[in-house]
N, C-alpha and C. Protein backbone atom coordinates (compact mmCIF):
# COMPACT_ATOMS: atom_id res chain seq x y z
N MET A 1 149.39 100.57 18.55
CA MET A 1 148.58 101.17 19.19
C MET A 1 148.17 100.85 20.80
N THR A 2 148.34 101.30 21.64
CA THR A 2 148.13 100.79 22.82
C THR A 2 146.29 101.18 23.43
N LYS A 3 145.47 100.98 24.33
CA LYS A 3 144.39 101.41 24.62
C LYS A 3 144.06 102.38 24.82
N LEU A 4 145.06 103.14 25.13
CA LEU A 4 144.82 104.40 26.17
C LEU A 4 144.86 105.66 25.03
N GLU A 5 145.64 105.05 23.71
CA GLU A 5 146.11 106.14 22.91
C GLU A 5 144.67 106.56 21.67
N GLY A 6 143.72 105.67 22.19
CA GLY A 6 142.53 105.53 21.34
C GLY A 6 141.69 107.02 21.35
N ARG A 7 142.11 107.61 22.54
CA ARG A 7 141.58 108.55 23.40
C ARG A 7 141.63 109.88 22.29
N THR A 8 140.24 111.13 21.99
CA THR A 8 140.46 111.87 21.33
C THR A 8 140.38 113.26 22.12
N ARG A 9 140.08 114.30 21.11
CA ARG A 9 140.10 115.63 22.52
C ARG A 9 138.44 115.72 22.35
N ALA A 10 137.44 115.21 21.64
CA ALA A 10 136.51 115.03 22.04
C ALA A 10 135.84 114.36 23.44
N PHE A 11 136.71 113.33 23.62
CA PHE A 11 136.49 112.21 24.55
C PHE A 11 137.37 112.89 25.91
N THR A 12 138.29 113.22 25.47
CA THR A 12 138.78 114.36 26.49
C THR A 12 137.90 115.28 27.36
N ILE A 13 137.29 115.64 26.40
CA ILE A 13 136.81 116.86 26.88
C ILE A 13 135.31 116.35 27.59
N PHE A 14 135.12 115.40 26.87
CA PHE A 14 133.73 114.40 27.61
C PHE A 14 134.36 114.19 29.27
N THR A 15 134.90 113.29 29.10
CA THR A 15 135.41 112.50 30.53
C THR A 15 135.69 113.76 31.28
N LEU A 16 136.29 115.46 31.14
CA LEU A 16 136.30 116.62 31.71
C LEU A 16 135.20 117.21 32.50
N LEU A 17 134.11 116.76 31.21
CA LEU A 17 132.73 117.26 31.82
C LEU A 17 132.21 116.09 33.10
N TRP A 18 132.46 114.96 32.76
CA TRP A 18 131.97 114.05 33.69
C TRP A 18 132.49 114.54 34.94
N VAL A 19 133.76 114.54 34.56
CA VAL A 19 134.26 114.46 36.45
C VAL A 19 133.89 116.34 36.91
N LEU A 20 133.57 117.13 36.09
CA LEU A 20 133.26 118.23 36.47
C LEU A 20 131.02 118.37 37.19
N ASN A 21 131.16 117.23 36.62
CA ASN A 21 129.72 116.61 37.16
C ASN A 21 129.82 116.36 38.28
N ALA A 22 130.76 115.35 38.63
CA ALA A 22 130.82 114.72 39.80
C ALA A 22 131.57 115.99 41.17
N LEU A 23 132.51 116.53 40.61
CA LEU A 23 132.53 117.75 41.34
C LEU A 23 131.55 118.25 42.09
N LEU A 24 130.70 119.16 40.70
CA LEU A 24 129.41 119.63 41.27
C LEU A 24 128.51 119.40 42.22
N ARG A 25 128.72 117.65 42.16
CA ARG A 25 127.68 116.96 42.77
C ARG A 25 127.92 116.87 44.72
N VAL A 26 129.48 116.58 44.69
CA VAL A 26 129.74 116.37 45.68
C VAL A 26 130.09 118.12 46.32
N VAL A 27 130.14 119.12 45.81
CA VAL A 27 130.04 120.28 45.88
C VAL A 27 128.71 120.49 46.91
N PHE A 28 127.67 120.37 45.85
CA PHE A 28 126.38 120.42 46.41
C PHE A 28 126.45 119.73 47.53
N GLY A 29 126.33 118.48 47.48
CA GLY A 29 126.02 117.72 48.98
C GLY A 29 126.59 118.35 50.03
N VAL A 30 128.35 118.92 50.41
CA VAL A 30 128.58 119.72 51.29
C VAL A 30 127.63 120.84 51.50
N LEU A 31 127.46 121.52 50.83
CA LEU A 31 127.08 123.05 50.70
C LEU A 31 125.42 122.46 51.53
N SER A 32 125.00 121.26 51.25
CA SER A 32 123.08 121.07 51.38
C SER A 32 123.32 120.61 53.11
N ILE A 33 124.56 120.48 53.54
CA ILE A 33 124.63 119.95 54.92
C ILE A 33 124.24 120.54 55.60
N THR A 34 124.64 122.12 55.21
CA THR A 34 124.16 123.10 56.16
C THR A 34 122.57 123.44 55.23
N GLU A 35 121.68 123.53 56.69
CA GLU A 35 120.37 123.10 56.27
C GLU A 35 119.68 124.86 55.59
N GLY A 36 119.05 124.59 54.46
CA GLY A 36 118.79 125.04 53.73
C GLY A 36 119.53 126.28 52.81
N SER A 37 120.62 125.50 52.66
CA SER A 37 121.68 126.55 51.76
C SER A 37 121.70 126.40 50.29
N LEU A 38 121.12 125.65 49.72
CA LEU A 38 120.86 125.17 48.40
C LEU A 38 119.17 125.99 47.99
N LEU A 39 118.49 125.10 49.03
CA LEU A 39 116.90 124.93 48.57
C LEU A 39 116.64 126.43 48.86
N ASP A 40 115.43 127.11 48.35
CA ASP A 40 114.63 128.19 48.05
C ASP A 40 113.40 127.72 48.98
N VAL A 41 112.90 126.39 49.00
CA VAL A 41 111.74 125.70 49.79
C VAL A 41 112.00 125.14 50.91
N PRO A 42 111.32 125.33 52.06
CA PRO A 42 111.55 124.16 53.44
C PRO A 42 110.93 123.16 52.48
N VAL A 43 111.97 121.89 53.42
CA VAL A 43 111.85 121.14 52.82
C VAL A 43 111.94 119.85 54.32
N THR A 44 111.22 118.56 54.67
CA THR A 44 111.16 117.86 55.58
C THR A 44 112.82 117.00 55.88
N LEU A 45 113.12 116.92 56.91
CA LEU A 45 114.34 115.94 57.29
C LEU A 45 114.78 115.12 56.36
N LEU A 46 113.73 114.36 56.28
CA LEU A 46 114.33 113.24 55.65
C LEU A 46 114.29 113.37 54.18
N ILE A 47 113.69 114.50 53.51
CA ILE A 47 114.05 115.06 52.16
C ILE A 47 115.73 115.55 51.77
N HIS A 48 115.60 116.45 53.05
CA HIS A 48 116.76 116.79 53.18
C HIS A 48 118.14 115.57 53.12
N GLN A 49 118.06 115.29 53.84
CA GLN A 49 118.74 114.08 53.68
C GLN A 49 119.25 113.00 52.52
N ILE A 50 117.66 112.86 51.61
CA ILE A 50 117.99 111.79 50.92
C ILE A 50 118.84 112.59 49.58
N LEU A 51 118.33 113.98 49.75
CA LEU A 51 119.61 115.30 48.50
C LEU A 51 120.85 115.15 49.44
N VAL A 52 121.17 115.23 50.56
CA VAL A 52 122.66 115.20 50.74
C VAL A 52 122.95 113.92 50.25
N VAL A 53 122.73 112.68 50.63
CA VAL A 53 123.06 111.27 49.97
C VAL A 53 123.14 110.89 48.51
N MET A 54 122.06 111.11 48.16
CA MET A 54 122.17 111.47 46.65
C MET A 54 123.37 112.49 45.81
N PHE A 55 123.27 113.29 46.32
CA PHE A 55 124.69 114.66 45.85
C PHE A 55 126.46 113.37 46.41
N PHE A 56 126.06 112.94 47.44
CA PHE A 56 127.54 112.32 47.50
C PHE A 56 127.44 111.03 46.86
N LEU A 57 126.51 110.27 46.81
CA LEU A 57 126.73 109.01 45.94
C LEU A 57 126.93 109.24 44.52
N LEU A 58 126.18 110.22 43.82
CA LEU A 58 126.35 110.59 42.39
C LEU A 58 127.42 111.27 42.01
N GLY A 59 128.19 111.96 43.29
CA GLY A 59 129.27 112.58 43.06
C GLY A 59 130.35 111.35 43.22
N ALA A 60 130.49 110.75 44.08
CA ALA A 60 131.73 109.34 44.21
C ALA A 60 131.55 108.69 43.29
N GLY A 61 130.42 108.16 42.46
CA GLY A 61 129.82 107.31 41.60
C GLY A 61 130.42 107.71 40.40
N GLY A 62 130.00 109.24 40.25
CA GLY A 62 131.00 110.06 39.07
C GLY A 62 132.26 109.95 38.59
N PHE A 63 133.01 110.25 39.84
CA PHE A 63 134.24 110.08 39.85
C PHE A 63 134.98 108.46 39.99
N LEU A 64 134.53 107.71 40.17
CA LEU A 64 134.69 106.47 39.82
C LEU A 64 134.50 105.73 38.17
N SER A 65 133.43 106.39 37.95
CA SER A 65 132.95 106.18 36.44
C SER A 65 134.27 106.99 35.59
N ALA A 66 134.52 108.51 35.81
CA ALA A 66 135.26 108.87 35.27
C ALA A 66 136.45 108.50 34.84
N TYR A 67 136.88 107.46 36.31
CA TYR A 67 138.51 106.80 36.48
C TYR A 67 138.40 105.65 35.50
N GLY A 68 137.26 104.91 35.25
CA GLY A 68 137.36 103.64 34.35
C GLY A 68 136.87 104.06 32.86
N LEU A 69 136.07 105.17 32.52
CA LEU A 69 135.99 106.01 31.40
C LEU A 69 137.66 106.21 30.71
N TRP A 70 138.38 106.74 31.87
CA TRP A 70 139.23 107.62 31.24
C TRP A 70 140.31 106.68 30.55
N LYS A 71 140.34 105.05 31.52
CA LYS A 71 141.20 103.93 31.39
C LYS A 71 140.67 103.22 30.25
N LEU A 72 139.28 103.80 29.65
CA LEU A 72 139.12 103.09 28.72
C LEU A 72 138.36 101.58 28.71
N GLU A 73 137.98 101.68 30.33
CA GLU A 73 137.32 100.36 30.76
C GLU A 73 135.56 99.93 30.27
N ARG A 74 135.65 99.00 30.07
CA ARG A 74 134.00 98.78 29.92
C ARG A 74 133.21 99.33 31.01
N TRP A 75 133.38 98.88 32.10
CA TRP A 75 132.72 99.37 33.24
C TRP A 75 132.74 100.73 33.47
N GLY A 76 133.51 101.50 33.05
CA GLY A 76 133.32 103.25 33.35
C GLY A 76 132.69 103.53 32.00
N LEU A 77 132.30 103.48 31.18
CA LEU A 77 131.23 103.50 30.16
C LEU A 77 129.57 103.08 30.77
N GLN A 78 129.81 101.83 31.59
CA GLN A 78 128.47 101.57 32.09
C GLN A 78 128.20 102.19 33.33
N GLY A 79 129.04 102.77 33.85
CA GLY A 79 128.88 103.21 34.66
C GLY A 79 128.37 104.61 34.42
N VAL A 80 128.99 105.55 33.47
CA VAL A 80 128.85 106.96 33.21
C VAL A 80 127.02 107.05 32.44
N VAL A 81 126.93 105.61 32.01
CA VAL A 81 125.35 105.09 31.70
C VAL A 81 124.52 105.08 32.86
N ALA A 82 124.90 104.13 33.40
CA ALA A 82 123.67 103.94 34.56
C ALA A 82 123.58 105.42 35.42
N LEU A 83 124.74 105.92 35.88
CA LEU A 83 124.43 107.37 36.70
C LEU A 83 124.09 108.21 35.88
N SER A 84 124.30 108.29 34.63
CA SER A 84 123.10 109.39 34.13
C SER A 84 122.02 109.24 34.01
N ILE A 85 121.56 108.10 33.54
CA ILE A 85 120.13 107.93 34.02
C ILE A 85 119.42 107.97 35.70
N VAL A 86 120.61 107.47 36.41
CA VAL A 86 119.87 107.74 37.80
C VAL A 86 120.06 109.08 38.19
N THR A 87 120.99 110.08 37.46
CA THR A 87 120.74 111.78 37.90
C THR A 87 119.82 112.02 37.28
N ILE A 88 119.55 111.56 35.86
CA ILE A 88 117.90 112.32 34.97
C ILE A 88 116.51 112.33 35.95
N GLY A 89 116.79 110.93 36.88
CA GLY A 89 115.24 110.34 37.60
C GLY A 89 115.62 111.65 38.53
N PHE A 90 117.10 112.11 39.27
CA PHE A 90 117.19 112.10 40.47
C PHE A 90 116.79 113.85 40.24
N ASP A 91 117.37 114.23 39.54
CA ASP A 91 116.91 115.93 38.86
C ASP A 91 115.39 116.00 38.63
N LEU A 92 114.47 115.04 38.11
CA LEU A 92 113.44 114.84 37.77
C LEU A 92 112.73 114.99 38.87
N TRP A 93 112.75 114.19 39.79
CA TRP A 93 112.55 114.47 41.44
C TRP A 93 112.71 115.84 41.93
N GLY A 94 114.45 116.26 41.86
CA GLY A 94 114.36 117.64 42.35
C GLY A 94 113.33 118.79 42.03
N ILE A 95 113.40 118.77 40.71
CA ILE A 95 112.15 119.64 39.96
C ILE A 95 111.34 120.01 40.88
N THR A 96 110.91 118.66 41.49
CA THR A 96 109.49 118.95 41.95
C THR A 96 109.77 119.81 43.29
N ILE A 97 110.94 119.84 43.64
CA ILE A 97 111.09 120.47 44.64
C ILE A 97 111.52 121.81 44.49
N GLN A 98 112.35 121.91 43.38
CA GLN A 98 113.04 123.43 43.09
C GLN A 98 113.18 123.53 41.91
N PHE A 99 112.68 124.39 40.78
CA PHE A 99 113.36 124.50 39.46
C PHE A 99 114.76 124.49 38.93
N THR A 100 115.35 124.66 40.29
CA THR A 100 116.66 124.63 39.48
C THR A 100 117.89 124.05 38.99
N ALA A 101 116.61 122.34 40.02
CA ALA A 101 117.35 121.14 39.78
C ALA A 101 117.52 120.85 38.01
N ALA A 102 117.06 121.69 37.49
CA ALA A 102 116.92 121.33 35.72
C ALA A 102 118.67 121.25 35.37
N MET A 103 119.14 122.59 35.99
CA MET A 103 120.58 122.14 35.46
C MET A 103 121.17 121.31 35.24
N GLY A 104 120.82 120.04 36.19
CA GLY A 104 121.45 118.95 36.43
C GLY A 104 121.39 118.74 35.63
N PHE A 105 120.70 118.23 34.73
CA PHE A 105 120.03 117.38 33.50
C PHE A 105 121.01 117.76 32.74
N ILE A 106 121.78 118.62 32.50
CA ILE A 106 122.77 119.08 31.13
C ILE A 106 123.94 117.67 30.98
N ILE A 107 124.36 118.20 31.47
CA ILE A 107 125.80 117.10 31.54
C ILE A 107 125.54 115.49 31.11
N PRO A 108 124.24 115.20 31.98
CA PRO A 108 124.06 113.50 31.80
C PRO A 108 123.36 113.19 30.59
N VAL A 109 122.71 114.48 30.09
CA VAL A 109 121.81 114.21 28.62
C VAL A 109 122.95 114.41 27.66
N LEU A 110 123.72 115.35 28.11
CA LEU A 110 125.26 115.05 26.84
C LEU A 110 125.82 114.18 27.06
N ALA A 111 126.09 113.46 27.72
CA ALA A 111 126.59 111.99 28.09
C ALA A 111 126.22 111.29 27.56
N LEU A 112 124.81 110.93 27.50
CA LEU A 112 124.09 109.87 26.79
C LEU A 112 124.50 110.31 25.24
N THR A 113 123.97 111.94 25.35
CA THR A 113 123.65 111.83 23.84
C THR A 113 125.40 111.59 23.11
N TYR A 114 126.47 112.04 23.62
CA TYR A 114 127.37 111.97 23.16
C TYR A 114 127.95 110.35 23.02
N LEU A 115 127.59 109.53 23.90
CA LEU A 115 127.65 108.11 23.57
C LEU A 115 126.86 107.20 22.70
N GLY A 116 125.78 107.94 22.66
CA GLY A 116 125.00 107.35 21.80
C GLY A 116 125.44 107.49 20.29
N PHE A 117 126.07 109.00 19.67
CA PHE A 117 126.26 109.07 18.82
C PHE A 117 127.53 108.07 18.50
N LYS A 118 128.26 108.27 19.30
CA LYS A 118 129.74 107.48 19.34
C LYS A 118 129.28 105.90 19.08
N MET A 119 128.36 105.21 19.97
CA MET A 119 128.04 104.05 19.57
C MET A 119 127.58 103.33 18.05
N GLU A 120 126.55 104.68 17.99
CA GLU A 120 126.16 104.70 16.43
C GLU A 120 126.99 104.78 15.19
N LYS A 121 128.08 105.50 15.48
CA LYS A 121 129.03 105.50 14.52
C LYS A 121 130.10 104.27 14.38
N THR A 122 130.26 103.92 15.54
CA THR A 122 131.05 102.40 15.94
C THR A 122 130.14 101.25 14.72
N GLU A 123 128.96 101.05 15.19
CA GLU A 123 127.79 100.07 14.52
C GLU A 123 127.87 100.26 12.83
N MET A 124 127.71 101.59 12.69
CA MET A 124 127.84 101.88 11.00
C MET A 124 129.21 101.47 10.69
N ARG A 125 130.38 101.94 11.41
CA ARG A 125 131.67 101.28 10.85
C ARG A 125 131.63 100.12 10.67
N HIS A 126 131.42 99.42 11.73
CA HIS A 126 131.30 97.28 11.45
C HIS A 126 130.23 97.13 10.75
N SER A 127 128.79 97.64 10.86
CA SER A 127 128.42 97.15 9.74
C SER A 127 128.71 97.49 7.91
N SER A 128 129.46 98.55 7.70
CA SER A 128 130.12 98.66 6.44
C SER A 128 130.96 97.95 6.38
N LYS A 129 132.04 96.90 7.17
CA LYS A 129 132.75 95.84 6.58
C LYS A 129 132.15 95.03 6.46
N THR A 130 131.34 94.77 6.88
CA THR A 130 130.17 93.15 6.44
C THR A 130 129.39 93.10 4.83
N LEU A 131 129.33 94.09 4.82
CA LEU A 131 128.89 94.87 3.55
C LEU A 131 129.26 93.88 1.69
């Protein structure tokens, strides 16, 4: 069995959700370039620039980590975990600007939950072999 044959349907759906998350971040970055298109409240130029840059960085990082995840590379998994944590922090800050930023929590929280269950299941499988 090759490394890539270990993917399950749940893993495929998870990876596609992560790609969707990355795509939405890039789309929001593009839409944010036109001032005020996504925001209901006025913000300073600096805040606006931070939002645009973060959307593009999270999107690009999301695509890269999704590729690594799909190839079952350790760095892909690490990238998803790191980007999930950074995205949650970014969206927590975003809620202080506009409450709709809370929607950005959905996929990163699902990602951490899914990966947590997978790791727990793997650890339980390995520990039962040693008993």
